[in-house]
Amino acid sequence: TGAIAHNAGAEHFSPTLLQIFIRGNCFRGSAGLTEAAQDWFKKLLSTGELQAVVIYGSPYVLEQFLPHLPPSIPYVFCFGQMSAAQSLALELLFGIDHKTGNA
């Protein structure tokens, strides 16, 4: 896509947490995942920049990503997309105790 092509020549490494917010739709094979999102995932994976993945909303998207994720890259899935769900997902990912705020 255009955004990926624009950044393709960048010489710097950017460790990246990819967060995908998407609604599930059991009647669409891609569950609404855009080509741009798929391209970003592939680019970050191929460059080694992908450090973790959080998917909110659609278990179908998680199913698409899992076969391509190396075991070394952590991921979290959450059905909810609201701020409380985001907080819990990121606390889990980063090992933060949601009661104390400590890692």
N, C-alpha and C. Protein backbone atom coordinates (compact mmCIF):
# COMPACT_ATOMS: atom_id res chain seq x y z
N THR A 1 0.84 -1.18 0.00
CA THR A 1 0.00 0.00 0.00
C THR A 1 0.88 1.24 0.00
N GLY A 2 0.29 2.40 -0.18
CA GLY A 2 1.05 3.63 -0.25
C GLY A 2 1.86 3.94 0.98
N ALA A 3 1.28 3.76 2.17
CA ALA A 3 2.00 4.06 3.41
C ALA A 3 3.19 3.14 3.59
N ILE A 4 3.05 1.89 3.23
CA ILE A 4 4.16 0.96 3.38
C ILE A 4 5.24 1.29 2.37
N ALA A 5 4.85 1.58 1.13
CA ALA A 5 5.83 1.94 0.12
C ALA A 5 6.58 3.20 0.53
N HIS A 6 5.90 4.14 1.13
CA HIS A 6 6.52 5.39 1.58
C HIS A 6 7.59 5.12 2.63
N ASN A 7 7.37 4.16 3.51
CA ASN A 7 8.30 3.86 4.59
C ASN A 7 9.28 2.74 4.25
N ALA A 8 9.17 2.15 3.08
CA ALA A 8 9.97 0.99 2.74
C ALA A 8 11.46 1.29 2.72
N GLY A 9 11.84 2.50 2.36
CA GLY A 9 13.25 2.85 2.28
C GLY A 9 13.84 3.33 3.59
N ALA A 10 13.07 3.36 4.63
CA ALA A 10 13.57 3.85 5.92
C ALA A 10 14.70 2.97 6.41
N GLU A 11 15.76 3.59 6.91
CA GLU A 11 16.94 2.86 7.35
C GLU A 11 16.95 2.61 8.85
N HIS A 12 15.92 3.00 9.56
CA HIS A 12 15.92 2.84 11.02
C HIS A 12 15.01 1.69 11.43
N PHE A 13 15.33 1.13 12.58
CA PHE A 13 14.56 0.02 13.15
C PHE A 13 13.61 0.58 14.19
N SER A 14 12.34 0.25 14.10
CA SER A 14 11.35 0.74 15.05
C SER A 14 10.61 -0.43 15.68
N PRO A 15 11.00 -0.84 16.90
CA PRO A 15 10.26 -1.91 17.56
C PRO A 15 8.79 -1.51 17.65
N THR A 16 7.90 -2.40 17.26
CA THR A 16 6.49 -2.04 17.10
C THR A 16 5.54 -3.01 17.79
N LEU A 17 4.59 -2.44 18.51
CA LEU A 17 3.46 -3.19 19.05
C LEU A 17 2.30 -2.93 18.10
N LEU A 18 1.84 -3.95 17.41
CA LEU A 18 0.74 -3.81 16.47
C LEU A 18 -0.57 -4.09 17.19
N GLN A 19 -1.46 -3.09 17.19
CA GLN A 19 -2.79 -3.25 17.78
C GLN A 19 -3.81 -3.16 16.65
N ILE A 20 -4.69 -4.16 16.60
CA ILE A 20 -5.70 -4.21 15.55
C ILE A 20 -7.08 -4.18 16.21
N PHE A 21 -7.86 -3.20 15.82
CA PHE A 21 -9.24 -3.05 16.32
C PHE A 21 -10.18 -3.39 15.17
N ILE A 22 -10.94 -4.47 15.33
CA ILE A 22 -11.79 -4.89 14.23
C ILE A 22 -12.99 -5.67 14.75
N ARG A 23 -14.10 -5.49 14.11
CA ARG A 23 -15.29 -6.25 14.47
C ARG A 23 -15.29 -7.56 13.72
N GLY A 24 -15.73 -8.60 14.39
CA GLY A 24 -15.82 -9.91 13.76
C GLY A 24 -17.04 -10.01 12.87
N ASN A 25 -16.92 -10.76 11.81
CA ASN A 25 -18.04 -11.02 10.92
C ASN A 25 -17.86 -12.43 10.38
N CYS A 26 -18.64 -13.36 10.89
CA CYS A 26 -18.47 -14.76 10.51
C CYS A 26 -18.84 -15.04 9.06
N PHE A 27 -19.44 -14.07 8.36
CA PHE A 27 -19.86 -14.29 6.99
C PHE A 27 -18.85 -13.77 5.97
N ARG A 28 -17.77 -13.14 6.45
CA ARG A 28 -16.72 -12.64 5.56
C ARG A 28 -15.43 -13.37 5.91
N GLY A 29 -14.82 -13.98 4.93
CA GLY A 29 -13.63 -14.78 5.17
C GLY A 29 -12.49 -14.01 5.81
N SER A 30 -12.33 -12.75 5.46
CA SER A 30 -11.23 -11.97 6.01
C SER A 30 -11.62 -11.29 7.31
N ALA A 31 -12.85 -11.45 7.73
CA ALA A 31 -13.37 -10.81 8.94
C ALA A 31 -13.15 -9.31 8.91
N GLY A 32 -13.11 -8.74 7.72
CA GLY A 32 -12.99 -7.30 7.60
C GLY A 32 -11.57 -6.78 7.69
N LEU A 33 -10.56 -7.65 7.79
CA LEU A 33 -9.18 -7.20 7.87
C LEU A 33 -8.77 -6.62 6.53
N THR A 34 -8.32 -5.38 6.54
CA THR A 34 -7.98 -4.72 5.29
C THR A 34 -6.65 -5.22 4.74
N GLU A 35 -6.46 -5.00 3.47
CA GLU A 35 -5.20 -5.36 2.83
C GLU A 35 -4.06 -4.57 3.45
N ALA A 36 -4.32 -3.31 3.79
CA ALA A 36 -3.28 -2.48 4.41
C ALA A 36 -2.83 -3.07 5.75
N ALA A 37 -3.78 -3.55 6.56
CA ALA A 37 -3.42 -4.15 7.85
C ALA A 37 -2.61 -5.42 7.63
N GLN A 38 -3.00 -6.22 6.67
CA GLN A 38 -2.25 -7.44 6.37
C GLN A 38 -0.83 -7.10 5.89
N ASP A 39 -0.72 -6.08 5.05
CA ASP A 39 0.59 -5.66 4.54
C ASP A 39 1.49 -5.15 5.66
N TRP A 40 0.93 -4.36 6.58
CA TRP A 40 1.72 -3.86 7.71
C TRP A 40 2.21 -5.01 8.57
N PHE A 41 1.35 -5.97 8.84
CA PHE A 41 1.73 -7.15 9.62
C PHE A 41 2.89 -7.87 8.95
N LYS A 42 2.78 -8.14 7.66
CA LYS A 42 3.83 -8.84 6.93
C LYS A 42 5.14 -8.06 6.92
N LYS A 43 5.04 -6.74 6.72
CA LYS A 43 6.25 -5.91 6.70
C LYS A 43 6.95 -5.92 8.05
N LEU A 44 6.18 -5.69 9.12
CA LEU A 44 6.77 -5.67 10.46
C LEU A 44 7.37 -7.02 10.83
N LEU A 45 6.73 -8.07 10.41
CA LEU A 45 7.23 -9.42 10.68
C LEU A 45 8.53 -9.67 9.91
N SER A 46 8.56 -9.30 8.65
CA SER A 46 9.74 -9.56 7.81
C SER A 46 10.94 -8.71 8.20
N THR A 47 10.71 -7.52 8.73
CA THR A 47 11.83 -6.66 9.13
C THR A 47 12.29 -6.91 10.56
N GLY A 48 11.55 -7.73 11.29
CA GLY A 48 11.91 -8.00 12.68
C GLY A 48 11.46 -6.92 13.64
N GLU A 49 10.70 -5.96 13.15
CA GLU A 49 10.24 -4.86 14.01
C GLU A 49 9.05 -5.24 14.88
N LEU A 50 8.31 -6.26 14.49
CA LEU A 50 7.12 -6.67 15.25
C LEU A 50 7.54 -7.28 16.57
N GLN A 51 7.15 -6.64 17.66
CA GLN A 51 7.52 -7.10 19.00
C GLN A 51 6.37 -7.77 19.72
N ALA A 52 5.14 -7.40 19.39
CA ALA A 52 3.96 -7.98 20.02
C ALA A 52 2.73 -7.58 19.21
N VAL A 53 1.66 -8.36 19.39
CA VAL A 53 0.41 -8.10 18.68
C VAL A 53 -0.74 -8.13 19.68
N VAL A 54 -1.63 -7.15 19.58
CA VAL A 54 -2.86 -7.16 20.36
C VAL A 54 -4.01 -7.01 19.37
N ILE A 55 -4.93 -7.96 19.42
CA ILE A 55 -6.08 -7.94 18.52
C ILE A 55 -7.33 -7.78 19.36
N TYR A 56 -8.11 -6.76 19.03
CA TYR A 56 -9.35 -6.47 19.75
C TYR A 56 -10.53 -6.75 18.84
N GLY A 57 -11.48 -7.56 19.32
CA GLY A 57 -12.75 -7.68 18.63
C GLY A 57 -13.02 -8.96 17.88
N SER A 58 -12.11 -9.42 17.04
CA SER A 58 -12.44 -10.53 16.15
C SER A 58 -11.52 -11.73 16.33
N PRO A 59 -12.07 -12.85 16.79
CA PRO A 59 -11.24 -14.05 16.89
C PRO A 59 -10.84 -14.59 15.52
N TYR A 60 -11.58 -14.20 14.47
CA TYR A 60 -11.25 -14.64 13.12
C TYR A 60 -9.93 -14.03 12.66
N VAL A 61 -9.67 -12.80 13.04
CA VAL A 61 -8.40 -12.17 12.69
C VAL A 61 -7.26 -12.85 13.44
N LEU A 62 -7.48 -13.17 14.70
CA LEU A 62 -6.47 -13.90 15.46
C LEU A 62 -6.12 -15.21 14.75
N GLU A 63 -7.13 -15.92 14.27
CA GLU A 63 -6.89 -17.18 13.55
C GLU A 63 -6.06 -16.97 12.29
N GLN A 64 -6.22 -15.81 11.65
CA GLN A 64 -5.43 -15.50 10.45
C GLN A 64 -3.96 -15.25 10.81
N PHE A 65 -3.72 -14.63 11.95
CA PHE A 65 -2.37 -14.22 12.32
C PHE A 65 -1.56 -15.35 12.95
N LEU A 66 -2.19 -16.20 13.74
CA LEU A 66 -1.46 -17.20 14.52
C LEU A 66 -0.53 -18.10 13.70
N PRO A 67 -0.92 -18.58 12.53
CA PRO A 67 0.01 -19.44 11.79
C PRO A 67 1.30 -18.73 11.36
N HIS A 68 1.29 -17.41 11.33
CA HIS A 68 2.44 -16.64 10.86
C HIS A 68 3.27 -16.06 12.00
N LEU A 69 2.75 -16.10 13.22
CA LEU A 69 3.46 -15.52 14.36
C LEU A 69 4.48 -16.51 14.92
N PRO A 70 5.74 -16.11 14.98
CA PRO A 70 6.73 -16.98 15.63
C PRO A 70 6.42 -17.07 17.13
N PRO A 71 6.79 -18.17 17.77
CA PRO A 71 6.53 -18.32 19.21
C PRO A 71 7.18 -17.23 20.07
N SER A 72 8.19 -16.58 19.54
CA SER A 72 8.90 -15.54 20.31
C SER A 72 8.13 -14.22 20.38
N ILE A 73 7.09 -14.06 19.57
CA ILE A 73 6.32 -12.81 19.56
C ILE A 73 5.04 -13.01 20.36
N PRO A 74 4.92 -12.30 21.49
CA PRO A 74 3.72 -12.45 22.32
C PRO A 74 2.50 -11.80 21.66
N TYR A 75 1.34 -12.33 22.01
CA TYR A 75 0.10 -11.74 21.51
C TYR A 75 -0.96 -11.83 22.58
N VAL A 76 -1.92 -10.93 22.48
CA VAL A 76 -3.08 -10.92 23.36
C VAL A 76 -4.30 -10.72 22.48
N PHE A 77 -5.36 -11.45 22.79
CA PHE A 77 -6.63 -11.25 22.11
C PHE A 77 -7.67 -10.85 23.14
N CYS A 78 -8.54 -9.91 22.76
CA CYS A 78 -9.62 -9.47 23.64
C CYS A 78 -10.86 -9.22 22.78
N PHE A 79 -12.00 -9.75 23.21
CA PHE A 79 -13.23 -9.50 22.47
C PHE A 79 -13.63 -8.03 22.51
N GLY A 80 -13.42 -7.37 23.64
CA GLY A 80 -13.81 -5.97 23.79
C GLY A 80 -12.82 -5.02 23.17
N GLN A 81 -13.31 -3.82 22.84
CA GLN A 81 -12.46 -2.77 22.27
C GLN A 81 -12.45 -1.51 23.12
N MET A 82 -13.25 -1.49 24.18
CA MET A 82 -13.36 -0.29 25.00
C MET A 82 -12.07 -0.07 25.79
N SER A 83 -11.91 1.10 26.38
CA SER A 83 -10.66 1.46 27.06
C SER A 83 -10.31 0.49 28.18
N ALA A 84 -11.31 -0.02 28.90
CA ALA A 84 -11.02 -0.99 29.98
C ALA A 84 -10.41 -2.26 29.40
N ALA A 85 -10.92 -2.72 28.27
CA ALA A 85 -10.37 -3.91 27.62
C ALA A 85 -8.95 -3.66 27.14
N GLN A 86 -8.71 -2.47 26.60
CA GLN A 86 -7.36 -2.12 26.14
C GLN A 86 -6.39 -2.09 27.31
N SER A 87 -6.80 -1.50 28.41
CA SER A 87 -5.94 -1.44 29.60
C SER A 87 -5.59 -2.83 30.09
N LEU A 88 -6.58 -3.69 30.20
CA LEU A 88 -6.33 -5.05 30.67
C LEU A 88 -5.43 -5.83 29.71
N ALA A 89 -5.65 -5.69 28.42
CA ALA A 89 -4.83 -6.40 27.44
C ALA A 89 -3.37 -5.96 27.53
N LEU A 90 -3.14 -4.65 27.63
CA LEU A 90 -1.76 -4.15 27.69
C LEU A 90 -1.11 -4.46 29.03
N GLU A 91 -1.88 -4.43 30.11
CA GLU A 91 -1.33 -4.82 31.41
C GLU A 91 -0.90 -6.29 31.38
N LEU A 92 -1.70 -7.12 30.77
CA LEU A 92 -1.36 -8.54 30.65
C LEU A 92 -0.10 -8.71 29.80
N LEU A 93 -0.05 -8.02 28.68
CA LEU A 93 1.09 -8.12 27.78
C LEU A 93 2.38 -7.69 28.46
N PHE A 94 2.32 -6.59 29.20
CA PHE A 94 3.53 -6.05 29.83
C PHE A 94 3.75 -6.55 31.24
N GLY A 95 2.90 -7.46 31.70
CA GLY A 95 3.07 -8.06 33.02
C GLY A 95 2.85 -7.10 34.17
N ILE A 96 1.91 -6.18 34.01
CA ILE A 96 1.61 -5.18 35.04
C ILE A 96 0.42 -5.65 35.86
N ASP A 97 0.57 -5.60 37.17
CA ASP A 97 -0.53 -5.94 38.08
C ASP A 97 -1.54 -4.80 38.03
N HIS A 98 -2.75 -5.06 37.55
CA HIS A 98 -3.73 -3.99 37.37
C HIS A 98 -4.19 -3.39 38.69
N LYS A 99 -3.96 -4.09 39.80
CA LYS A 99 -4.36 -3.54 41.10
C LYS A 99 -3.32 -2.58 41.65
N THR A 100 -2.03 -2.91 41.44
CA THR A 100 -0.96 -2.07 42.01
C THR A 100 -0.28 -1.19 40.99
N GLY A 101 -0.36 -1.58 39.71
CA GLY A 101 0.33 -0.83 38.67
C GLY A 101 1.80 -1.21 38.55
N ASN A 102 2.24 -2.21 39.30
CA ASN A 102 3.64 -2.63 39.28
C ASN A 102 3.85 -3.82 38.35
N ALA A 103 5.02 -3.84 37.76
CA ALA A 103 5.38 -4.97 36.88
C ALA A 103 5.85 -6.15 37.71
